[in-house]
Amino acid sequence: MVNELTVLETAIQNNNTLTQTSVSGLQSALLSFQTCWAGVKTDTIPDACKTGDTSK
């Protein structure tokens, strides 16, 4: 998600127009974040949201 937001921020700073691809990528990242956050709140984190050290 950070990558998508960085691309968006750079486009804004450079006065570039937003492409449909950029918007779609951001929408996808936000949906993924929403899914993972819902899992965190219910202590049922989906496997797709787990990265790195999951022993904590």
N, C-alpha and C. Protein backbone atom coordinates (compact mmCIF):
# COMPACT_ATOMS: atom_id res chain seq x y z
N MET A 1 0.82 -1.18 0.00
CA MET A 1 0.00 0.00 0.00
C MET A 1 0.86 1.25 0.00
N VAL A 2 1.97 1.19 0.72
CA VAL A 2 2.86 2.34 0.77
C VAL A 2 3.35 2.71 -0.63
N ASN A 3 3.68 1.70 -1.43
CA ASN A 3 4.16 1.98 -2.79
C ASN A 3 3.11 2.71 -3.62
N GLU A 4 1.86 2.27 -3.50
CA GLU A 4 0.79 2.91 -4.26
C GLU A 4 0.59 4.36 -3.82
N LEU A 5 0.66 4.60 -2.51
CA LEU A 5 0.50 5.97 -2.01
C LEU A 5 1.68 6.85 -2.42
N THR A 6 2.86 6.29 -2.48
CA THR A 6 4.03 7.05 -2.92
C THR A 6 3.90 7.46 -4.37
N VAL A 7 3.44 6.54 -5.22
CA VAL A 7 3.21 6.87 -6.63
C VAL A 7 2.17 7.97 -6.75
N LEU A 8 1.11 7.87 -5.99
CA LEU A 8 0.05 8.88 -6.01
C LEU A 8 0.59 10.24 -5.56
N GLU A 9 1.35 10.25 -4.47
CA GLU A 9 1.92 11.50 -3.95
C GLU A 9 2.86 12.14 -4.97
N THR A 10 3.69 11.33 -5.60
CA THR A 10 4.63 11.85 -6.61
C THR A 10 3.88 12.45 -7.78
N ALA A 11 2.83 11.78 -8.23
CA ALA A 11 2.03 12.30 -9.34
C ALA A 11 1.42 13.65 -8.99
N ILE A 12 0.94 13.77 -7.77
CA ILE A 12 0.33 15.03 -7.33
C ILE A 12 1.38 16.13 -7.28
N GLN A 13 2.54 15.82 -6.70
CA GLN A 13 3.61 16.81 -6.58
C GLN A 13 4.10 17.29 -7.95
N ASN A 14 4.08 16.39 -8.93
CA ASN A 14 4.54 16.74 -10.28
C ASN A 14 3.42 17.28 -11.17
N ASN A 15 2.26 17.50 -10.58
CA ASN A 15 1.09 17.99 -11.32
C ASN A 15 0.73 17.07 -12.48
N ASN A 16 0.95 15.78 -12.31
CA ASN A 16 0.60 14.79 -13.33
C ASN A 16 -0.85 14.34 -13.13
N THR A 17 -1.44 13.88 -14.20
CA THR A 17 -2.79 13.34 -14.07
C THR A 17 -2.70 11.92 -13.53
N LEU A 18 -3.76 11.50 -12.90
CA LEU A 18 -3.81 10.14 -12.38
C LEU A 18 -4.32 9.21 -13.47
N THR A 19 -3.64 8.12 -13.64
CA THR A 19 -4.08 7.15 -14.63
C THR A 19 -5.05 6.18 -13.98
N GLN A 20 -5.84 5.53 -14.79
CA GLN A 20 -6.76 4.52 -14.28
C GLN A 20 -5.99 3.40 -13.61
N THR A 21 -4.82 3.08 -14.13
CA THR A 21 -3.99 2.03 -13.54
C THR A 21 -3.58 2.41 -12.12
N SER A 22 -3.18 3.65 -11.93
CA SER A 22 -2.78 4.11 -10.60
C SER A 22 -3.95 4.06 -9.62
N VAL A 23 -5.10 4.51 -10.07
CA VAL A 23 -6.28 4.52 -9.22
C VAL A 23 -6.70 3.08 -8.89
N SER A 24 -6.67 2.20 -9.88
CA SER A 24 -7.03 0.80 -9.65
C SER A 24 -6.06 0.14 -8.67
N GLY A 25 -4.78 0.44 -8.83
CA GLY A 25 -3.78 -0.11 -7.91
C GLY A 25 -4.00 0.35 -6.49
N LEU A 26 -4.32 1.62 -6.33
CA LEU A 26 -4.59 2.16 -5.00
C LEU A 26 -5.85 1.54 -4.41
N GLN A 27 -6.88 1.37 -5.22
CA GLN A 27 -8.11 0.74 -4.74
C GLN A 27 -7.84 -0.68 -4.26
N SER A 28 -7.04 -1.40 -5.02
CA SER A 28 -6.70 -2.78 -4.66
C SER A 28 -5.92 -2.82 -3.35
N ALA A 29 -4.96 -1.91 -3.20
CA ALA A 29 -4.16 -1.85 -1.98
C ALA A 29 -5.03 -1.51 -0.77
N LEU A 30 -5.96 -0.59 -0.95
CA LEU A 30 -6.84 -0.21 0.16
C LEU A 30 -7.77 -1.36 0.55
N LEU A 31 -8.27 -2.09 -0.43
CA LEU A 31 -9.13 -3.23 -0.15
C LEU A 31 -8.35 -4.31 0.61
N SER A 32 -7.13 -4.54 0.19
CA SER A 32 -6.28 -5.52 0.88
C SER A 32 -6.02 -5.08 2.31
N PHE A 33 -5.71 -3.81 2.50
CA PHE A 33 -5.48 -3.28 3.84
C PHE A 33 -6.73 -3.44 4.70
N GLN A 34 -7.89 -3.13 4.13
CA GLN A 34 -9.14 -3.24 4.87
C GLN A 34 -9.38 -4.68 5.33
N THR A 35 -9.11 -5.63 4.45
CA THR A 35 -9.28 -7.04 4.78
C THR A 35 -8.35 -7.44 5.92
N CYS A 36 -7.09 -7.03 5.80
CA CYS A 36 -6.11 -7.39 6.82
C CYS A 36 -6.44 -6.71 8.15
N TRP A 37 -6.85 -5.46 8.11
CA TRP A 37 -7.17 -4.73 9.34
C TRP A 37 -8.37 -5.37 10.04
N ALA A 38 -9.35 -5.78 9.27
CA ALA A 38 -10.51 -6.46 9.87
C ALA A 38 -10.06 -7.74 10.58
N GLY A 39 -9.11 -8.46 9.97
CA GLY A 39 -8.57 -9.66 10.60
C GLY A 39 -7.82 -9.34 11.88
N VAL A 40 -7.04 -8.27 11.87
CA VAL A 40 -6.31 -7.87 13.07
C VAL A 40 -7.28 -7.58 14.21
N LYS A 41 -8.35 -6.88 13.89
CA LYS A 41 -9.32 -6.51 14.94
C LYS A 41 -10.03 -7.72 15.53
N THR A 42 -10.17 -8.78 14.75
CA THR A 42 -10.86 -9.97 15.25
C THR A 42 -9.90 -11.11 15.61
N ASP A 43 -8.60 -10.81 15.53
CA ASP A 43 -7.55 -11.78 15.84
C ASP A 43 -7.63 -13.01 14.94
N THR A 44 -8.05 -12.80 13.70
CA THR A 44 -8.09 -13.88 12.71
C THR A 44 -7.43 -13.37 11.42
N ILE A 45 -6.16 -13.10 11.48
CA ILE A 45 -5.44 -12.51 10.36
C ILE A 45 -5.35 -13.51 9.21
N PRO A 46 -5.85 -13.14 8.04
CA PRO A 46 -5.76 -14.03 6.88
C PRO A 46 -4.29 -14.31 6.52
N ASP A 47 -4.02 -15.52 6.02
CA ASP A 47 -2.65 -15.89 5.67
C ASP A 47 -2.01 -14.91 4.70
N ALA A 48 -2.78 -14.37 3.77
CA ALA A 48 -2.25 -13.44 2.79
C ALA A 48 -1.73 -12.15 3.43
N CYS A 49 -2.16 -11.88 4.66
CA CYS A 49 -1.75 -10.65 5.35
C CYS A 49 -0.52 -10.87 6.22
N LYS A 50 -0.13 -12.10 6.39
CA LYS A 50 1.02 -12.41 7.25
C LYS A 50 2.30 -12.35 6.44
N THR A 51 3.25 -11.59 6.94
CA THR A 51 4.57 -11.52 6.31
C THR A 51 5.63 -11.51 7.40
N GLY A 52 6.77 -11.98 7.08
CA GLY A 52 7.88 -11.93 8.03
C GLY A 52 7.66 -12.83 9.23
N ASP A 53 8.07 -12.37 10.41
CA ASP A 53 8.02 -13.14 11.64
C ASP A 53 6.60 -13.15 12.17
N THR A 54 5.93 -14.31 12.12
CA THR A 54 4.56 -14.43 12.60
C THR A 54 4.49 -15.05 13.98
N SER A 55 5.63 -15.14 14.68
CA SER A 55 5.64 -15.77 16.00
C SER A 55 5.19 -14.85 17.10
N LYS A 56 4.97 -13.60 16.78
CA LYS A 56 4.58 -12.61 17.81
C LYS A 56 3.09 -12.51 17.95
